[in-house]
C-alpha atoms as a PDB file:
ATOM      1  CA  UNK A   1      17.181   7.143 -12.014  1.00  0.00           C
ATOM      2  CA  UNK A   2      16.763   6.287 -15.752  1.00  0.00           C
ATOM      3  CA  UNK A   3      16.883   8.590 -18.657  1.00  0.00           C
ATOM      4  CA  UNK A   4      13.381   7.028 -19.628  1.00  0.00           C
ATOM      5  CA  UNK A   5      11.933   8.543 -16.505  1.00  0.00           C
ATOM      6  CA  UNK A   6      13.754  11.904 -16.820  1.00  0.00           C
ATOM      7  CA  UNK A   7      12.273  12.066 -20.355  1.00  0.00           C
ATOM      8  CA  UNK A   8       8.885  11.494 -18.737  1.00  0.00           C
ATOM      9  CA  UNK A   9       9.532  14.502 -16.552  1.00  0.00           C
ATOM     10  CA  UNK A  10      10.083  16.861 -19.578  1.00  0.00           C
ATOM     11  CA  UNK A  11       6.786  15.227 -20.967  1.00  0.00           C
ATOM     12  CA  UNK A  12       4.916  16.574 -17.772  1.00  0.00           C
ATOM     13  CA  UNK A  13       3.679  13.128 -16.884  1.00  0.00           C
ATOM     14  CA  UNK A  14       0.391  12.970 -14.589  1.00  0.00           C
ATOM     15  CA  UNK A  15       0.823  11.579 -11.102  1.00  0.00           C
ATOM     16  CA  UNK A  16      -2.024  11.086  -8.559  1.00  0.00           C
ATOM     17  CA  UNK A  17      -2.487   9.844  -5.146  1.00  0.00           C
ATOM     18  CA  UNK A  18      -5.779   8.104  -4.078  1.00  0.00           C
ATOM     19  CA  UNK A  19      -6.958   6.962  -0.746  1.00  0.00           C
ATOM     20  CA  UNK A  20      -8.675   4.045  -1.869  1.00  0.00           C
ATOM     21  CA  UNK A  21     -11.777   3.109   0.220  1.00  0.00           C
ATOM     22  CA  UNK A  22     -12.769  -0.500   1.349  1.00  0.00           C
ATOM     23  CA  UNK A  23     -14.344  -2.738  -1.205  1.00  0.00           C
ATOM     24  CA  UNK A  24     -13.194  -0.727  -4.270  1.00  0.00           C
ATOM     25  CA  UNK A  25     -11.378  -2.346  -7.081  1.00  0.00           C
ATOM     26  CA  UNK A  26      -7.864  -1.030  -8.216  1.00  0.00           C
ATOM     27  CA  UNK A  27      -9.250  -0.547 -11.770  1.00  0.00           C
ATOM     28  CA  UNK A  28     -11.612   1.432 -13.600  1.00  0.00           C
ATOM     29  CA  UNK A  29     -14.030  -1.277 -15.058  1.00  0.00           C
ATOM     30  CA  UNK A  30     -15.736  -4.208 -13.669  1.00  0.00           C
ATOM     31  CA  UNK A  31     -18.024  -6.781 -15.166  1.00  0.00           C
ATOM     32  CA  UNK A  32     -19.678  -7.924 -11.815  1.00  0.00           C
ATOM     33  CA  UNK A  33     -20.760  -4.416 -10.896  1.00  0.00           C
ATOM     34  CA  UNK A  34     -18.494  -3.768  -8.067  1.00  0.00           C
ATOM     35  CA  UNK A  35     -17.283  -0.190  -7.233  1.00  0.00           C
ATOM     36  CA  UNK A  36     -14.083   0.816  -9.167  1.00  0.00           C
ATOM     37  CA  UNK A  37     -11.724   3.748  -9.181  1.00  0.00           C
ATOM     38  CA  UNK A  38     -14.066   5.352 -11.876  1.00  0.00           C
ATOM     39  CA  UNK A  39     -16.272   7.042  -9.006  1.00  0.00           C
ATOM     40  CA  UNK A  40     -13.069   8.709  -7.466  1.00  0.00           C
ATOM     41  CA  UNK A  41     -10.813   9.669 -10.122  1.00  0.00           C
ATOM     42  CA  UNK A  42     -11.587  12.168 -12.540  1.00  0.00           C
ATOM     43  CA  UNK A  43      -8.309  11.989 -14.600  1.00  0.00           C
ATOM     44  CA  UNK A  44      -8.375   9.698 -17.591  1.00  0.00           C
ATOM     45  CA  UNK A  45      -5.652   7.507 -19.168  1.00  0.00           C
ATOM     46  CA  UNK A  46      -3.743   7.163 -15.494  1.00  0.00           C
ATOM     47  CA  UNK A  47      -3.289   3.618 -14.177  1.00  0.00           C
ATOM     48  CA  UNK A  48      -2.458   2.283 -10.767  1.00  0.00           C
ATOM     49  CA  UNK A  49       1.322   1.517 -10.188  1.00  0.00           C
ATOM     50  CA  UNK A  50       0.852  -1.734  -8.347  1.00  0.00           C
ATOM     51  CA  UNK A  51      -2.421  -2.885  -6.943  1.00  0.00           C
ATOM     52  CA  UNK A  52      -4.249  -2.980  -3.652  1.00  0.00           C
ATOM     53  CA  UNK A  53      -6.674  -5.506  -2.911  1.00  0.00           C
ATOM     54  CA  UNK A  54     -10.668  -5.052  -2.797  1.00  0.00           C
ATOM     55  CA  UNK A  55     -10.807  -5.506   0.778  1.00  0.00           C
ATOM     56  CA  UNK A  56      -7.867  -3.210   1.632  1.00  0.00           C
ATOM     57  CA  UNK A  57      -7.575   0.448   1.813  1.00  0.00           C
ATOM     58  CA  UNK A  58      -5.196   3.281   1.697  1.00  0.00           C
ATOM     59  CA  UNK A  59      -2.673   4.779  -0.724  1.00  0.00           C
ATOM     60  CA  UNK A  60      -2.676   4.189  -4.468  1.00  0.00           C
ATOM     61  CA  UNK A  61      -0.352   5.923  -6.986  1.00  0.00           C
ATOM     62  CA  UNK A  62      -1.663   6.476 -10.441  1.00  0.00           C
ATOM     63  CA  UNK A  63       0.113   7.816 -13.555  1.00  0.00           C
ATOM     64  CA  UNK A  64      -0.075   7.882 -17.163  1.00  0.00           C
ATOM     65  CA  UNK A  65       3.805   6.988 -17.632  1.00  0.00           C
ATOM     66  CA  UNK A  66       4.378   3.483 -18.277  1.00  0.00           C
ATOM     67  CA  UNK A  67       7.945   3.640 -17.289  1.00  0.00           C
ATOM     68  CA  UNK A  68       7.134   5.091 -13.944  1.00  0.00           C
ATOM     69  CA  UNK A  69       4.351   2.632 -13.479  1.00  0.00           C
ATOM     70  CA  UNK A  70       6.731  -0.346 -13.922  1.00  0.00           C
ATOM     71  CA  UNK A  71       9.411   1.369 -11.772  1.00  0.00           C
ATOM     72  CA  UNK A  72       7.020   1.599  -8.718  1.00  0.00           C
ATOM     73  CA  UNK A  73       5.649  -1.892  -9.233  1.00  0.00           C
ATOM     74  CA  UNK A  74       8.705  -4.000  -9.845  1.00  0.00           C
ATOM     75  CA  UNK A  75       9.862  -5.504  -6.387  1.00  0.00           C
ATOM     76  CA  UNK A  76      13.540  -5.727  -7.851  1.00  0.00           C
ATOM     77  CA  UNK A  77      13.600  -1.804  -6.993  1.00  0.00           C
ATOM     78  CA  UNK A  78      12.702  -2.623  -3.501  1.00  0.00           C
ATOM     79  CA  UNK A  79      10.389   0.556  -2.952  1.00  0.00           C
ATOM     80  CA  UNK A  80       8.851   0.065   0.520  1.00  0.00           C
ATOM     81  CA  UNK A  81       5.183   0.019   1.235  1.00  0.00           C
ATOM     82  CA  UNK A  82       4.174   0.655   4.577  1.00  0.00           C
ATOM     83  CA  UNK A  83       0.838  -0.553   6.096  1.00  0.00           C
ATOM     84  CA  UNK A  84      -1.250  -0.226   9.350  1.00  0.00           C
ATOM     85  CA  UNK A  85      -2.578  -3.681  10.198  1.00  0.00           C
ATOM     86  CA  UNK A  86      -5.251  -4.369  12.613  1.00  0.00           C
ATOM     87  CA  UNK A  87      -5.011  -8.137  13.738  1.00  0.00           C
ATOM     88  CA  UNK A  88      -7.128 -10.525  15.747  1.00  0.00           C
ATOM     89  CA  UNK A  89      -5.100 -11.213  18.873  1.00  0.00           C
ATOM     90  CA  UNK A  90      -1.925 -10.231  20.803  1.00  0.00           C
ATOM     91  CA  UNK A  91       1.470 -10.655  19.000  1.00  0.00           C
ATOM     92  CA  UNK A  92       4.003 -12.247  21.078  1.00  0.00           C
ATOM     93  CA  UNK A  93       7.759 -11.234  20.694  1.00  0.00           C
ATOM     94  CA  UNK A  94       8.528 -14.412  18.757  1.00  0.00           C
ATOM     95  CA  UNK A  95       5.835 -13.920  16.394  1.00  0.00           C
ATOM     96  CA  UNK A  96       7.077 -10.403  15.689  1.00  0.00           C
ATOM     97  CA  UNK A  97      10.591 -11.723  15.228  1.00  0.00           C
ATOM     98  CA  UNK A  98       9.363 -14.335  12.719  1.00  0.00           C
ATOM     99  CA  UNK A  99       7.869 -11.440  10.525  1.00  0.00           C
ATOM    100  CA  UNK A 100      11.151  -9.514  10.831  1.00  0.00           C
ATOM    101  CA  UNK A 101      13.156 -12.328   9.747  1.00  0.00           C
ATOM    102  CA  UNK A 102      10.750 -13.487   7.003  1.00  0.00           C
ATOM    103  CA  UNK A 103       8.144 -16.087   6.946  1.00  0.00           C
ATOM    104  CA  UNK A 104       7.628 -19.118   4.752  1.00  0.00           C
ATOM    105  CA  UNK A 105       4.435 -18.705   2.558  1.00  0.00           C
ATOM    106  CA  UNK A 106       3.089 -21.252  -0.005  1.00  0.00           C
ATOM    107  CA  UNK A 107       5.107 -19.290  -2.790  1.00  0.00           C
ATOM    108  CA  UNK A 108       8.250 -19.036  -0.821  1.00  0.00           C
ATOM    109  CA  UNK A 109       9.825 -17.198   2.033  1.00  0.00           C
ATOM    110  CA  UNK A 110       9.196 -13.575   2.295  1.00  0.00           C
ATOM    111  CA  UNK A 111      12.099 -11.063   2.645  1.00  0.00           C
ATOM    112  CA  UNK A 112      12.565  -9.541   6.214  1.00  0.00           C
ATOM    113  CA  UNK A 113      10.004  -6.889   7.015  1.00  0.00           C
ATOM    114  CA  UNK A 114       9.994  -4.070   9.307  1.00  0.00           C
ATOM    115  CA  UNK A 115       7.509  -4.537  12.066  1.00  0.00           C
ATOM    116  CA  UNK A 116       6.440  -2.807  15.467  1.00  0.00           C
ATOM    117  CA  UNK A 117       3.410  -2.630  17.541  1.00  0.00           C
ATOM    118  CA  UNK A 118       1.730   0.703  17.524  1.00  0.00           C
ATOM    119  CA  UNK A 119      -1.523   2.197  18.865  1.00  0.00           C
ATOM    120  CA  UNK A 120      -4.541   2.597  16.719  1.00  0.00           C
ATOM    121  CA  UNK A 121      -3.687   5.419  14.156  1.00  0.00           C
ATOM    122  CA  UNK A 122      -5.018   8.708  15.298  1.00  0.00           C
ATOM    123  CA  UNK A 123      -7.721  10.204  13.258  1.00  0.00           C
ATOM    124  CA  UNK A 124      -8.402   6.876  11.428  1.00  0.00           C
ATOM    125  CA  UNK A 125     -11.649   7.368   9.318  1.00  0.00           C
ATOM    126  CA  UNK A 126     -14.455   4.789   9.850  1.00  0.00           C
ATOM    127  CA  UNK A 127     -14.513   1.742   7.781  1.00  0.00           C
ATOM    128  CA  UNK A 128     -17.862   0.955   5.967  1.00  0.00           C
ATOM    129  CA  UNK A 129     -19.130  -1.489   7.016  1.00  0.00           C
ATOM    130  CA  UNK A 130     -17.191  -1.670  10.347  1.00  0.00           C
ATOM    131  CA  UNK A 131     -15.064  -4.452  11.605  1.00  0.00           C
ATOM    132  CA  UNK A 132     -17.175  -6.827  13.717  1.00  0.00           C
ATOM    133  CA  UNK A 133     -16.338  -6.335  17.522  1.00  0.00           C
ATOM    134  CA  UNK A 134     -16.050  -9.369  19.756  1.00  0.00           C
ATOM    135  CA  UNK A 135     -15.480  -8.472  23.121  1.00  0.00           C
ATOM    136  CA  UNK A 136     -13.756 -11.525  24.201  1.00  0.00           C
ATOM    137  CA  UNK A 137     -10.969 -11.305  21.421  1.00  0.00           C
ATOM    138  CA  UNK A 138      -8.631  -8.574  21.768  1.00  0.00           C
ATOM    139  CA  UNK A 139      -7.331  -7.037  18.584  1.00  0.00           C
ATOM    140  CA  UNK A 140      -3.834  -5.228  17.895  1.00  0.00           C
ATOM    141  CA  UNK A 141      -2.289  -2.768  15.393  1.00  0.00           C
ATOM    142  CA  UNK A 142       1.118  -3.279  13.564  1.00  0.00           C
ATOM    143  CA  UNK A 143       3.094  -1.169  11.400  1.00  0.00           C
ATOM    144  CA  UNK A 144       4.621  -3.444   8.514  1.00  0.00           C
ATOM    145  CA  UNK A 145       6.978  -2.365   6.014  1.00  0.00           C
ATOM    146  CA  UNK A 146       7.698  -4.607   3.094  1.00  0.00           C
ATOM    147  CA  UNK A 147       9.478  -4.248  -0.315  1.00  0.00           C
ATOM    148  CA  UNK A 148       7.655  -7.033  -2.203  1.00  0.00           C
ATOM    149  CA  UNK A 149       4.166  -7.079  -3.964  1.00  0.00           C
ATOM    150  CA  UNK A 150       3.152 -10.750  -3.851  1.00  0.00           C
ATOM    151  CA  UNK A 151      -0.751 -11.296  -3.743  1.00  0.00           C
ATOM    152  CA  UNK A 152      -2.277 -10.607  -0.468  1.00  0.00           C
ATOM    153  CA  UNK A 153       1.082 -10.727   1.065  1.00  0.00           C
ATOM    154  CA  UNK A 154       0.680  -8.835   4.364  1.00  0.00           C
ATOM    155  CA  UNK A 155      -2.656 -10.902   5.132  1.00  0.00           C
ATOM    156  CA  UNK A 156      -0.634 -14.220   4.575  1.00  0.00           C
ATOM    157  CA  UNK A 157       2.196 -13.144   6.600  1.00  0.00           C
ATOM    158  CA  UNK A 158       0.088 -12.359   9.434  1.00  0.00           C
ATOM    159  CA  UNK A 159      -1.851 -15.541   9.293  1.00  0.00           C
ATOM    160  CA  UNK A 160       1.171 -17.423   9.182  1.00  0.00           C
ATOM    161  CA  UNK A 161       2.096 -16.314  12.624  1.00  0.00           C
ATOM    162  CA  UNK A 162      -1.531 -16.913  13.918  1.00  0.00           C
ATOM    163  CA  UNK A 163      -2.814 -13.390  13.812  1.00  0.00           C
ATOM    164  CA  UNK A 164      -5.558 -12.982  11.102  1.00  0.00           C
ATOM    165  CA  UNK A 165      -5.766  -9.467   9.600  1.00  0.00           C
ATOM    166  CA  UNK A 166      -8.909  -7.543  10.302  1.00  0.00           C
ATOM    167  CA  UNK A 167      -8.237  -4.385   8.518  1.00  0.00           C
ATOM    168  CA  UNK A 168      -5.256  -3.320   6.175  1.00  0.00           C
ATOM    169  CA  UNK A 169      -4.306   0.075   5.294  1.00  0.00           C
ATOM    170  CA  UNK A 170      -1.358   1.046   3.095  1.00  0.00           C
ATOM    171  CA  UNK A 171      -0.361   4.422   4.361  1.00  0.00           C
ATOM    172  CA  UNK A 172       2.998   4.841   2.563  1.00  0.00           C
ATOM    173  CA  UNK A 173       4.563   3.938  -0.876  1.00  0.00           C
ATOM    174  CA  UNK A 174       8.223   5.020  -0.894  1.00  0.00           C
ATOM    175  CA  UNK A 175       8.203   8.851  -0.082  1.00  0.00           C
ATOM    176  CA  UNK A 176       4.759   9.410  -0.399  1.00  0.00           C
ATOM    177  CA  UNK A 177       2.243   9.067   2.544  1.00  0.00           C
ATOM    178  CA  UNK A 178      -1.504   9.644   3.086  1.00  0.00           C
ATOM    179  CA  UNK A 179      -0.792  12.623   5.187  1.00  0.00           C
ATOM    180  CA  UNK A 180      -4.295  13.704   5.797  1.00  0.00           C
ATOM    181  CA  UNK A 181      -5.854  12.339   2.501  1.00  0.00           C
ATOM    182  CA  UNK A 182      -9.439  11.417   3.574  1.00  0.00           C
ATOM    183  CA  UNK A 183     -10.906   8.210   2.330  1.00  0.00           C
ATOM    184  CA  UNK A 184     -11.688   8.588  -1.456  1.00  0.00           C
ATOM    185  CA  UNK A 185      -9.847  11.799  -1.960  1.00  0.00           C
ATOM    186  CA  UNK A 186      -7.185  12.287  -4.650  1.00  0.00           C
ATOM    187  CA  UNK A 187      -4.250  14.625  -4.677  1.00  0.00           C
ATOM    188  CA  UNK A 188      -2.284  15.615  -7.702  1.00  0.00           C
ATOM    189  CA  UNK A 189       1.348  15.523  -7.521  1.00  0.00           C
ATOM    190  CA  UNK A 190       3.904  17.605  -9.216  1.00  0.00           C
ATOM    191  CA  UNK A 191       5.815  15.433 -11.860  1.00  0.00           C
ATOM    192  CA  UNK A 192       9.106  17.215 -11.536  1.00  0.00           C
ATOM    193  CA  UNK A 193       8.736  16.755  -7.644  1.00  0.00           C
ATOM    194  CA  UNK A 194       7.842  12.939  -8.238  1.00  0.00           C
ATOM    195  CA  UNK A 195      11.178  12.570 -10.280  1.00  0.00           C
ATOM    196  CA  UNK A 196      13.277  14.390  -7.693  1.00  0.00           C
ATOM    197  CA  UNK A 197      11.752  12.217  -4.806  1.00  0.00           C
ATOM    198  CA  UNK A 198      12.586   8.971  -6.691  1.00  0.00           C
ATOM    199  CA  UNK A 199      16.105  10.093  -7.703  1.00  0.00           C
ATOM    200  CA  UNK A 200      16.735  10.896  -3.784  1.00  0.00           C
ATOM    201  CA  UNK A 201      14.941   7.412  -2.913  1.00  0.00           C
ATOM    202  CA  UNK A 202      17.364   5.566  -5.074  1.00  0.00           C
ATOM    203  CA  UNK A 203      20.380   7.554  -4.057  1.00  0.00           C
ATOM    204  CA  UNK A 204      19.397   7.104  -0.295  1.00  0.00           C
ATOM    205  CA  UNK A 205      19.199   3.170  -0.916  1.00  0.00           C
ATOM    206  CA  UNK A 206      22.892   2.906  -2.296  1.00  0.00           C
END
């Protein structure tokens, strides 16, 4: 862990988790009148570490510390993000292996991903508006773990193997998980624990 982040610990940096709802921008202002973080986050001068698309849901980490924000956002640190992904269709073994090996996108091949087929996550909140149900077209849920942060990467990865993404929920960023956080709900983290968790994360990766 860098000395800069250790210094941030002494300054009592602020760290929050938000379960970002569908169709909410991962910023506090928008000239087009779309819903933003302002509705959900009462803390001021905190900013997202990384982005989560307008049409994606789930975990967003916010902090007032620029060093930590960069540490969590930079793909060089290979902090894994994990997603629940509802796709259209039934994945075949070969398609799953393509994701695990890395798929070629228009901006280059992805790193290998962790992928497994799962049941629909339990106690999942309803999306508003709901996914359009089509009786003749089956859907499946995947759990996908990646350590990159390209624009709309997971959606492009599933599209590349013929499985369009219908719903995308980020449920974990490194050691932090949704863990019962309701849609739109914020949890304040202890800054000393955040530093300790990141230090442990780095040690575990060595």
